[in-house]
Amino acid sequence: ADLQSGTISNPSINPGSSNSGCLLAGELNPTWMIINIAGSGSLQFSLGQDMGMGCFDWIMWPYSANACNQIISNQLAPVRCNWNGACEGFTGIASPLPPGGDPSNFEPPLAVTTGQQYLLCLSNYSSQTTNVPLNFFGTANVSCTAVQPVTVAGTTICPGQSATLTANSPGATTYSWSNGTSVVGTTNPLTI
């Protein structure tokens, strides 16, 4: 097991609820995933299914280029984790709980913003040899690829005045400016 219990990166005390701590038995048969936030809101997900088999423990940290080194060096605290209270192969973060969800297996939702990323380690404590469904719900949107939020340097204008809007999004190559009902331009910067 790479992650020692009772540390900053794998605490014995749960950072999100009064449930048991994080990966208390260590990291066993892990699967690592990056969650990309494509739209701000409440992140909620479930791993496994109600009446499933096995213990699925998990831990989630904010992700950056240095996250893995910080986790291994015991310098990065998790934002959510769960050490299954009821080993029924169904866990995650949700409120209200999904049908059949046990409160000891679920953590409170996480408020997220576009562009954030999280590293999720799923520990297959009971060595199950099955597919484990991962379902996202709540109001946040997730993506399979990293999302670069667009920031706009603009001004307040009055009717009859003009302004130049410039978007700054590293890696973006195309832009589509909209007034909420129709596309008003595709160049960057855009003068309106």
Protein backbone atom coordinates (compact mmCIF):
# COMPACT_ATOMS: atom_id res chain seq x y z
CA ALA A 1 0.00 0.00 0.00
CA ASP A 2 1.44 3.34 -1.07
CA LEU A 3 -0.85 5.52 1.07
CA GLN A 4 -0.32 5.24 4.79
CA SER A 5 -3.36 5.79 7.01
CA GLY A 6 -3.43 8.63 9.50
CA THR A 7 -1.45 11.02 7.30
CA ILE A 8 -2.24 14.33 5.59
CA SER A 9 -2.85 12.65 2.24
CA ASN A 10 -4.81 9.74 3.74
CA PRO A 11 -6.27 10.92 7.05
CA SER A 12 -7.93 8.72 9.67
CA ILE A 13 -10.48 11.50 10.21
CA ASN A 14 -12.89 12.03 7.31
CA PRO A 15 -12.60 15.58 5.87
CA GLY A 16 -16.19 15.59 4.57
CA SER A 17 -18.41 13.89 7.16
CA SER A 18 -18.59 12.03 10.44
CA ASN A 19 -18.15 8.68 8.64
CA SER A 20 -14.98 6.66 9.14
CA GLY A 21 -11.72 7.99 7.69
CA CYS A 22 -10.28 7.52 4.23
CA LEU A 23 -8.39 4.44 3.01
CA LEU A 24 -8.00 2.97 6.51
CA ALA A 25 -6.87 -0.39 5.14
CA GLY A 26 -4.48 1.28 2.69
CA GLU A 27 -4.69 1.33 -1.08
CA LEU A 28 -5.67 -2.11 -2.39
CA ASN A 29 -6.19 -2.98 -6.08
CA PRO A 30 -6.55 0.73 -6.98
CA THR A 31 -8.05 2.38 -10.01
CA TRP A 32 -7.05 6.04 -10.50
CA MET A 33 -9.21 8.55 -12.41
CA ILE A 34 -9.14 12.27 -13.17
CA ILE A 35 -12.48 14.07 -12.95
CA ASN A 36 -12.64 17.18 -15.18
CA ILE A 37 -15.24 19.79 -14.24
CA ALA A 38 -16.86 21.20 -17.40
CA GLY A 39 -19.61 23.19 -15.68
CA SER A 40 -19.86 24.66 -12.17
CA GLY A 41 -22.31 23.23 -9.66
CA SER A 42 -22.68 20.44 -7.14
CA LEU A 43 -20.54 17.38 -7.92
CA GLN A 44 -22.28 14.15 -7.02
CA PHE A 45 -21.47 10.60 -8.12
CA SER A 46 -22.00 6.98 -7.24
CA LEU A 47 -19.60 4.06 -7.62
CA GLY A 48 -21.04 0.55 -7.87
CA GLN A 49 -24.71 -0.23 -7.43
CA ASP A 50 -27.20 -0.91 -4.67
CA MET A 51 -27.13 -4.50 -3.43
CA GLY A 52 -23.72 -4.93 -5.08
CA MET A 53 -20.92 -6.98 -3.62
CA GLY A 54 -17.67 -5.90 -2.04
CA CYS A 55 -16.04 -2.99 -0.26
CA PHE A 56 -15.14 -0.04 -2.47
CA ASP A 57 -13.22 2.60 -0.53
CA TRP A 58 -12.17 5.81 -2.24
CA ILE A 59 -10.36 9.09 -1.76
CA MET A 60 -10.39 12.29 -3.86
CA TRP A 61 -7.84 15.13 -3.99
CA PRO A 62 -7.68 18.37 -6.00
CA TYR A 63 -5.64 17.59 -9.12
CA SER A 64 -2.74 19.56 -10.57
CA ALA A 65 0.52 18.68 -12.31
CA ASN A 66 2.13 18.25 -8.86
CA ALA A 67 -0.72 16.36 -7.16
CA CYS A 68 0.78 12.86 -7.39
CA ASN A 69 4.12 13.97 -5.92
CA GLN A 70 2.31 15.92 -3.18
CA ILE A 71 0.17 12.87 -2.30
CA ILE A 72 3.18 10.55 -2.14
CA SER A 73 5.10 13.17 -0.10
CA ASN A 74 2.13 13.44 2.31
CA GLN A 75 1.51 17.12 1.49
CA LEU A 76 -1.96 17.13 -0.14
CA ALA A 77 -5.13 16.76 1.91
CA PRO A 78 -8.15 15.09 0.28
CA VAL A 79 -11.44 16.93 -0.29
CA ARG A 80 -13.65 13.84 0.09
CA CYS A 81 -13.17 10.16 0.93
CA ASN A 82 -15.08 7.15 2.20
CA TRP A 83 -14.15 3.96 3.99
CA ASN A 84 -17.24 1.79 3.54
CA GLY A 85 -19.33 1.38 6.66
CA ALA A 86 -21.59 -1.11 4.87
CA CYS A 87 -19.74 -3.24 2.30
CA GLU A 88 -22.49 -3.44 -0.28
CA GLY A 89 -20.52 -2.25 -3.32
CA PHE A 90 -22.30 1.15 -3.48
CA THR A 91 -20.63 4.43 -2.46
CA GLY A 92 -20.01 8.02 -3.55
CA ILE A 93 -21.02 11.60 -2.80
CA ALA A 94 -24.68 12.61 -2.86
CA SER A 95 -27.49 14.46 -1.12
CA PRO A 96 -30.13 13.23 -1.02
CA LEU A 97 -28.82 9.68 -1.11
CA PRO A 98 -29.57 7.66 -4.24
CA PRO A 99 -32.17 4.89 -3.75
CA GLY A 100 -30.62 2.15 -1.62
CA GLY A 101 -27.66 4.31 -0.55
CA ASP A 102 -26.39 3.76 3.00
CA PRO A 103 -25.39 6.98 4.85
CA SER A 104 -22.12 5.37 5.99
CA ASN A 105 -21.09 4.88 2.33
CA PHE A 106 -21.87 8.36 0.99
CA GLU A 107 -20.27 11.76 1.55
CA PRO A 108 -21.74 15.26 1.12
CA PRO A 109 -21.71 16.85 -2.37
CA LEU A 110 -18.79 19.05 -3.38
CA ALA A 111 -19.24 22.57 -4.82
CA VAL A 112 -17.03 22.77 -7.93
CA THR A 113 -16.24 25.32 -10.65
CA THR A 114 -15.48 24.99 -14.34
CA GLY A 115 -11.87 24.04 -15.03
CA GLN A 116 -11.19 22.29 -11.72
CA GLN A 117 -9.86 18.75 -11.75
CA TYR A 118 -9.91 16.05 -9.10
CA LEU A 119 -7.91 12.84 -8.72
CA LEU A 120 -10.01 9.90 -7.53
CA CYS A 121 -8.50 6.67 -6.22
CA LEU A 122 -10.95 3.76 -5.97
CA SER A 123 -9.63 1.00 -3.71
CA ASN A 124 -11.09 -2.43 -4.45
CA TYR A 125 -10.58 -3.74 -0.91
CA SER A 126 -12.41 -7.03 -1.48
CA SER A 127 -10.71 -7.73 -4.85
CA GLN A 128 -13.98 -7.88 -6.79
CA THR A 129 -13.66 -8.94 -10.44
CA THR A 130 -16.56 -7.00 -11.88
CA ASN A 131 -17.31 -3.77 -13.68
CA VAL A 132 -17.97 -0.92 -11.26
CA PRO A 133 -20.44 1.63 -12.68
CA LEU A 134 -19.53 5.29 -12.15
CA ASN A 135 -22.54 7.62 -12.44
CA PHE A 136 -22.41 11.41 -12.19
CA PHE A 137 -25.46 13.44 -11.17
CA GLY A 138 -26.06 16.74 -9.39
CA THR A 139 -25.74 20.09 -11.12
CA ALA A 140 -22.03 20.03 -12.09
CA ASN A 141 -21.02 18.86 -15.56
CA VAL A 142 -18.01 16.59 -16.06
CA SER A 143 -15.95 15.89 -19.16
CA CYS A 144 -13.55 13.19 -20.32
CA THR A 145 -11.07 15.91 -21.28
CA ALA A 146 -9.65 18.85 -19.37
CA VAL A 147 -11.65 22.06 -19.66
CA GLN A 148 -10.05 25.49 -19.89
CA PRO A 149 -12.40 28.17 -18.56
CA VAL A 150 -12.75 31.30 -20.66
CA THR A 151 -12.09 34.62 -18.98
CA VAL A 152 -13.21 37.78 -20.71
CA ALA A 153 -11.61 41.18 -20.28
CA GLY A 154 -14.51 43.46 -21.12
CA THR A 155 -16.12 46.71 -20.15
CA THR A 156 -19.56 47.97 -19.33
CA ILE A 157 -21.12 49.75 -22.29
CA CYS A 158 -24.27 51.72 -22.85
CA PRO A 159 -26.55 51.58 -25.91
CA GLY A 160 -24.81 53.08 -28.93
CA GLN A 161 -21.28 52.51 -27.59
CA SER A 162 -18.83 49.82 -28.68
CA ALA A 163 -16.33 47.62 -26.85
CA THR A 164 -13.70 45.03 -27.68
CA LEU A 165 -14.02 41.69 -25.91
CA THR A 166 -10.91 39.53 -25.63
CA ALA A 167 -11.08 35.97 -24.32
CA ASN A 168 -8.11 34.39 -22.58
CA SER A 169 -8.25 30.61 -22.54
CA PRO A 170 -4.91 28.78 -22.88
CA GLY A 171 -5.10 26.13 -25.56
CA ALA A 172 -8.31 27.43 -27.17
CA THR A 173 -8.14 27.83 -30.94
CA THR A 174 -11.72 28.74 -31.83
CA TYR A 175 -14.28 31.00 -30.19
CA SER A 176 -17.99 31.45 -30.57
CA TRP A 177 -19.41 34.63 -29.01
CA SER A 178 -23.09 34.57 -28.15
CA ASN A 179 -25.56 37.08 -26.75
CA GLY A 180 -27.61 34.27 -25.23
CA THR A 181 -29.86 33.73 -28.21
CA SER A 182 -27.58 33.79 -31.26
CA VAL A 183 -23.92 33.74 -32.26
CA VAL A 184 -22.62 37.29 -32.66
CA GLY A 185 -19.06 36.54 -33.81
CA THR A 186 -16.28 33.96 -34.03
CA THR A 187 -13.10 36.05 -33.88
CA ASN A 188 -10.92 36.85 -30.90
CA PRO A 189 -10.86 39.68 -30.02
CA LEU A 190 -14.41 40.66 -30.97
CA THR A 191 -15.49 44.28 -31.37
CA ILE A 192 -19.17 44.92 -30.84
